[in-house]
Amino acid sequence: QVQLVESGGGSVQAGGSLRLSCAASGPTFNPFAMDWYRQAPGKDRDLVARIMLITGNTNYTKSVEGRFAISSDRAKKTVYLQMDSLKPEDTAIYYCRADCAVGDYWGQGTQVTVSS
């Protein structure tokens, strides 16, 4: 059974930083990509960042380019999202997702709140 557990969320003022972590467990965990999504109140869940685990290639939604950075530590089965220069519009629940050949897995989410 694969489990993803996010951590690192919290409340910060605009301009601040947070680092989210997503730790995976499970003997058969072998994703080819990992994503961070976010969902603000009353809005859809949107892709924020993606990392291809073999090549290390990354992609970001335009609104976070230059401010957020996704990275992975395959030995620790952990993916990170470094978030700098946070804005109030970054306020959302952040979820990690593992993209595997057999399907995808989601974490339970971690709240990020940015005040102006």
C-alpha atoms as a PDB file:
ATOM      1  CA  GLN A   1       0.000   0.000   0.000  1.00  0.00           C
ATOM      2  CA  VAL A   2       1.461   3.360  -1.067  1.00  0.00           C
ATOM      3  CA  GLN A   3       1.013   6.358   1.191  1.00  0.00           C
ATOM      4  CA  LEU A   4       2.018   9.964   0.592  1.00  0.00           C
ATOM      5  CA  VAL A   5       2.304  12.322   3.546  1.00  0.00           C
ATOM      6  CA  GLU A   6       2.762  16.057   3.047  1.00  0.00           C
ATOM      7  CA  SER A   7       4.229  18.364   5.663  1.00  0.00           C
ATOM      8  CA  GLY A   8       5.673  21.857   5.956  1.00  0.00           C
ATOM      9  CA  GLY A   9       2.570  23.934   5.440  1.00  0.00           C
ATOM     10  CA  GLY A  10       1.720  26.869   7.656  1.00  0.00           C
ATOM     11  CA  SER A  11       0.979  30.576   7.807  1.00  0.00           C
ATOM     12  CA  VAL A  12       3.417  33.194   6.539  1.00  0.00           C
ATOM     13  CA  GLN A  13       3.347  36.816   5.525  1.00  0.00           C
ATOM     14  CA  ALA A  14       3.636  37.862   1.911  1.00  0.00           C
ATOM     15  CA  GLY A  15       7.232  37.665   0.742  1.00  0.00           C
ATOM     16  CA  GLY A  16       8.008  34.781   3.062  1.00  0.00           C
ATOM     17  CA  SER A  17       9.067  31.221   2.298  1.00  0.00           C
ATOM     18  CA  LEU A  18       7.930  27.702   3.061  1.00  0.00           C
ATOM     19  CA  ARG A  19       9.291  24.299   2.135  1.00  0.00           C
ATOM     20  CA  LEU A  20       6.798  21.499   1.631  1.00  0.00           C
ATOM     21  CA  SER A  21       7.781  17.848   1.831  1.00  0.00           C
ATOM     22  CA  CYS A  22       6.012  14.774   0.517  1.00  0.00           C
ATOM     23  CA  ALA A  23       7.249  11.491   1.930  1.00  0.00           C
ATOM     24  CA  ALA A  24       6.224   8.236   0.316  1.00  0.00           C
ATOM     25  CA  SER A  25       6.013   4.804   1.844  1.00  0.00           C
ATOM     26  CA  GLY A  26       5.234   1.406   0.378  1.00  0.00           C
ATOM     27  CA  PRO A  27       7.342  -1.424  -0.975  1.00  0.00           C
ATOM     28  CA  THR A  28       6.111  -1.082  -4.555  1.00  0.00           C
ATOM     29  CA  PHE A  29       6.429   2.691  -4.872  1.00  0.00           C
ATOM     30  CA  ASN A  30       7.987   3.428  -8.247  1.00  0.00           C
ATOM     31  CA  PRO A  31       6.634   6.599  -9.837  1.00  0.00           C
ATOM     32  CA  PHE A  32       8.009   8.099 -13.028  1.00  0.00           C
ATOM     33  CA  ALA A  33       6.897  11.604 -12.039  1.00  0.00           C
ATOM     34  CA  MET A  34       5.789  13.523  -8.958  1.00  0.00           C
ATOM     35  CA  ASP A  35       3.554  16.576  -8.872  1.00  0.00           C
ATOM     36  CA  TRP A  36       2.464  19.292  -6.515  1.00  0.00           C
ATOM     37  CA  TYR A  37      -1.116  20.514  -6.929  1.00  0.00           C
ATOM     38  CA  ARG A  38      -3.029  23.152  -5.020  1.00  0.00           C
ATOM     39  CA  GLN A  39      -6.662  23.918  -4.406  1.00  0.00           C
ATOM     40  CA  ALA A  40      -7.924  27.255  -3.171  1.00  0.00           C
ATOM     41  CA  PRO A  41     -11.404  27.563  -1.617  1.00  0.00           C
ATOM     42  CA  GLY A  42     -14.092  27.334  -4.275  1.00  0.00           C
ATOM     43  CA  LYS A  43     -11.604  26.605  -7.042  1.00  0.00           C
ATOM     44  CA  ASP A  44     -10.381  23.595  -8.956  1.00  0.00           C
ATOM     45  CA  ARG A  45      -7.319  21.613  -7.986  1.00  0.00           C
ATOM     46  CA  ASP A  46      -4.535  22.834 -10.293  1.00  0.00           C
ATOM     47  CA  LEU A  47      -1.080  21.549 -11.128  1.00  0.00           C
ATOM     48  CA  VAL A  48       1.681  23.724  -9.667  1.00  0.00           C
ATOM     49  CA  ALA A  49       4.891  21.824 -10.427  1.00  0.00           C
ATOM     50  CA  ARG A  50       6.045  18.507 -11.846  1.00  0.00           C
ATOM     51  CA  ILE A  51       9.321  16.629 -11.766  1.00  0.00           C
ATOM     52  CA  MET A  52      10.276  13.668 -13.935  1.00  0.00           C
ATOM     53  CA  LEU A  53      12.202  11.426 -11.567  1.00  0.00           C
ATOM     54  CA  ILE A  54      14.640   9.847 -14.026  1.00  0.00           C
ATOM     55  CA  THR A  55      15.610  12.928 -16.059  1.00  0.00           C
ATOM     56  CA  GLY A  56      15.051  15.531 -13.349  1.00  0.00           C
ATOM     57  CA  ASN A  57      13.134  17.699 -15.812  1.00  0.00           C
ATOM     58  CA  THR A  58      10.722  20.110 -14.156  1.00  0.00           C
ATOM     59  CA  ASN A  59       7.690  22.128 -15.211  1.00  0.00           C
ATOM     60  CA  TYR A  60       5.827  24.904 -13.418  1.00  0.00           C
ATOM     61  CA  THR A  61       2.609  26.745 -13.834  1.00  0.00           C
ATOM     62  CA  LYS A  62       3.335  30.304 -14.977  1.00  0.00           C
ATOM     63  CA  SER A  63       2.202  31.982 -11.798  1.00  0.00           C
ATOM     64  CA  VAL A  64       4.931  30.294  -9.722  1.00  0.00           C
ATOM     65  CA  GLU A  65       7.828  30.277 -12.191  1.00  0.00           C
ATOM     66  CA  GLY A  66      10.923  31.806 -10.635  1.00  0.00           C
ATOM     67  CA  ARG A  67       9.454  31.582  -7.118  1.00  0.00           C
ATOM     68  CA  PHE A  68       8.867  27.853  -6.541  1.00  0.00           C
ATOM     69  CA  ALA A  69      11.274  24.964  -7.026  1.00  0.00           C
ATOM     70  CA  ILE A  70      10.423  21.255  -7.020  1.00  0.00           C
ATOM     71  CA  SER A  71      13.089  18.696  -6.180  1.00  0.00           C
ATOM     72  CA  SER A  72      13.327  15.061  -5.197  1.00  0.00           C
ATOM     73  CA  ASP A  73      15.429  12.759  -3.087  1.00  0.00           C
ATOM     74  CA  ARG A  74      14.836   9.310  -4.526  1.00  0.00           C
ATOM     75  CA  ALA A  75      16.728   7.542  -1.757  1.00  0.00           C
ATOM     76  CA  LYS A  76      14.382   9.102   0.813  1.00  0.00           C
ATOM     77  CA  LYS A  77      11.321   8.723  -1.459  1.00  0.00           C
ATOM     78  CA  THR A  78      10.635  12.387  -0.782  1.00  0.00           C
ATOM     79  CA  VAL A  79       9.680  15.290  -3.006  1.00  0.00           C
ATOM     80  CA  TYR A  80      10.015  18.915  -1.951  1.00  0.00           C
ATOM     81  CA  LEU A  81       8.484  22.199  -2.998  1.00  0.00           C
ATOM     82  CA  GLN A  82      10.512  25.247  -2.030  1.00  0.00           C
ATOM     83  CA  MET A  83       8.228  28.268  -2.132  1.00  0.00           C
ATOM     84  CA  ASP A  84       9.769  31.747  -2.004  1.00  0.00           C
ATOM     85  CA  SER A  85       8.329  35.240  -2.423  1.00  0.00           C
ATOM     86  CA  LEU A  86       4.939  33.913  -1.397  1.00  0.00           C
ATOM     87  CA  LYS A  87       1.855  35.912  -2.307  1.00  0.00           C
ATOM     88  CA  PRO A  88      -1.658  35.904  -0.813  1.00  0.00           C
ATOM     89  CA  GLU A  89      -2.904  34.236  -4.002  1.00  0.00           C
ATOM     90  CA  ASP A  90      -0.697  31.225  -3.190  1.00  0.00           C
ATOM     91  CA  THR A  91      -3.037  30.436  -0.287  1.00  0.00           C
ATOM     92  CA  ALA A  92      -4.416  26.940  -0.820  1.00  0.00           C
ATOM     93  CA  ILE A  93      -4.257  23.335   0.267  1.00  0.00           C
ATOM     94  CA  TYR A  94      -1.206  21.788  -1.398  1.00  0.00           C
ATOM     95  CA  TYR A  95      -1.282  18.139  -2.438  1.00  0.00           C
ATOM     96  CA  CYS A  96       1.407  15.884  -3.761  1.00  0.00           C
ATOM     97  CA  ARG A  97       0.689  13.262  -6.374  1.00  0.00           C
ATOM     98  CA  ALA A  98       2.704  10.291  -7.566  1.00  0.00           C
ATOM     99  CA  ASP A  99       2.313   9.314 -11.209  1.00  0.00           C
ATOM    100  CA  CYS A 100       2.938   5.567 -11.501  1.00  0.00           C
ATOM    101  CA  ALA A 101       2.491   3.044 -14.278  1.00  0.00           C
ATOM    102  CA  VAL A 102      -0.310   1.365 -12.314  1.00  0.00           C
ATOM    103  CA  GLY A 103      -2.090   4.619 -11.528  1.00  0.00           C
ATOM    104  CA  ASP A 104      -1.688   7.644  -9.322  1.00  0.00           C
ATOM    105  CA  TYR A 105      -1.577   8.274  -5.601  1.00  0.00           C
ATOM    106  CA  TRP A 106      -2.457  11.408  -3.628  1.00  0.00           C
ATOM    107  CA  GLY A 107      -1.489  12.759  -0.250  1.00  0.00           C
ATOM    108  CA  GLN A 108      -3.968  14.262   2.205  1.00  0.00           C
ATOM    109  CA  GLY A 109      -2.817  17.837   1.650  1.00  0.00           C
ATOM    110  CA  THR A 110      -1.186  20.550   3.718  1.00  0.00           C
ATOM    111  CA  GLN A 111      -2.570  24.055   4.210  1.00  0.00           C
ATOM    112  CA  VAL A 112      -0.563  27.084   3.126  1.00  0.00           C
ATOM    113  CA  THR A 113      -1.868  30.501   4.150  1.00  0.00           C
ATOM    114  CA  VAL A 114      -0.182  33.713   3.015  1.00  0.00           C
ATOM    115  CA  SER A 115      -1.300  36.974   4.599  1.00  0.00           C
ATOM    116  CA  SER A 116      -0.785  40.422   3.118  1.00  0.00           C
END
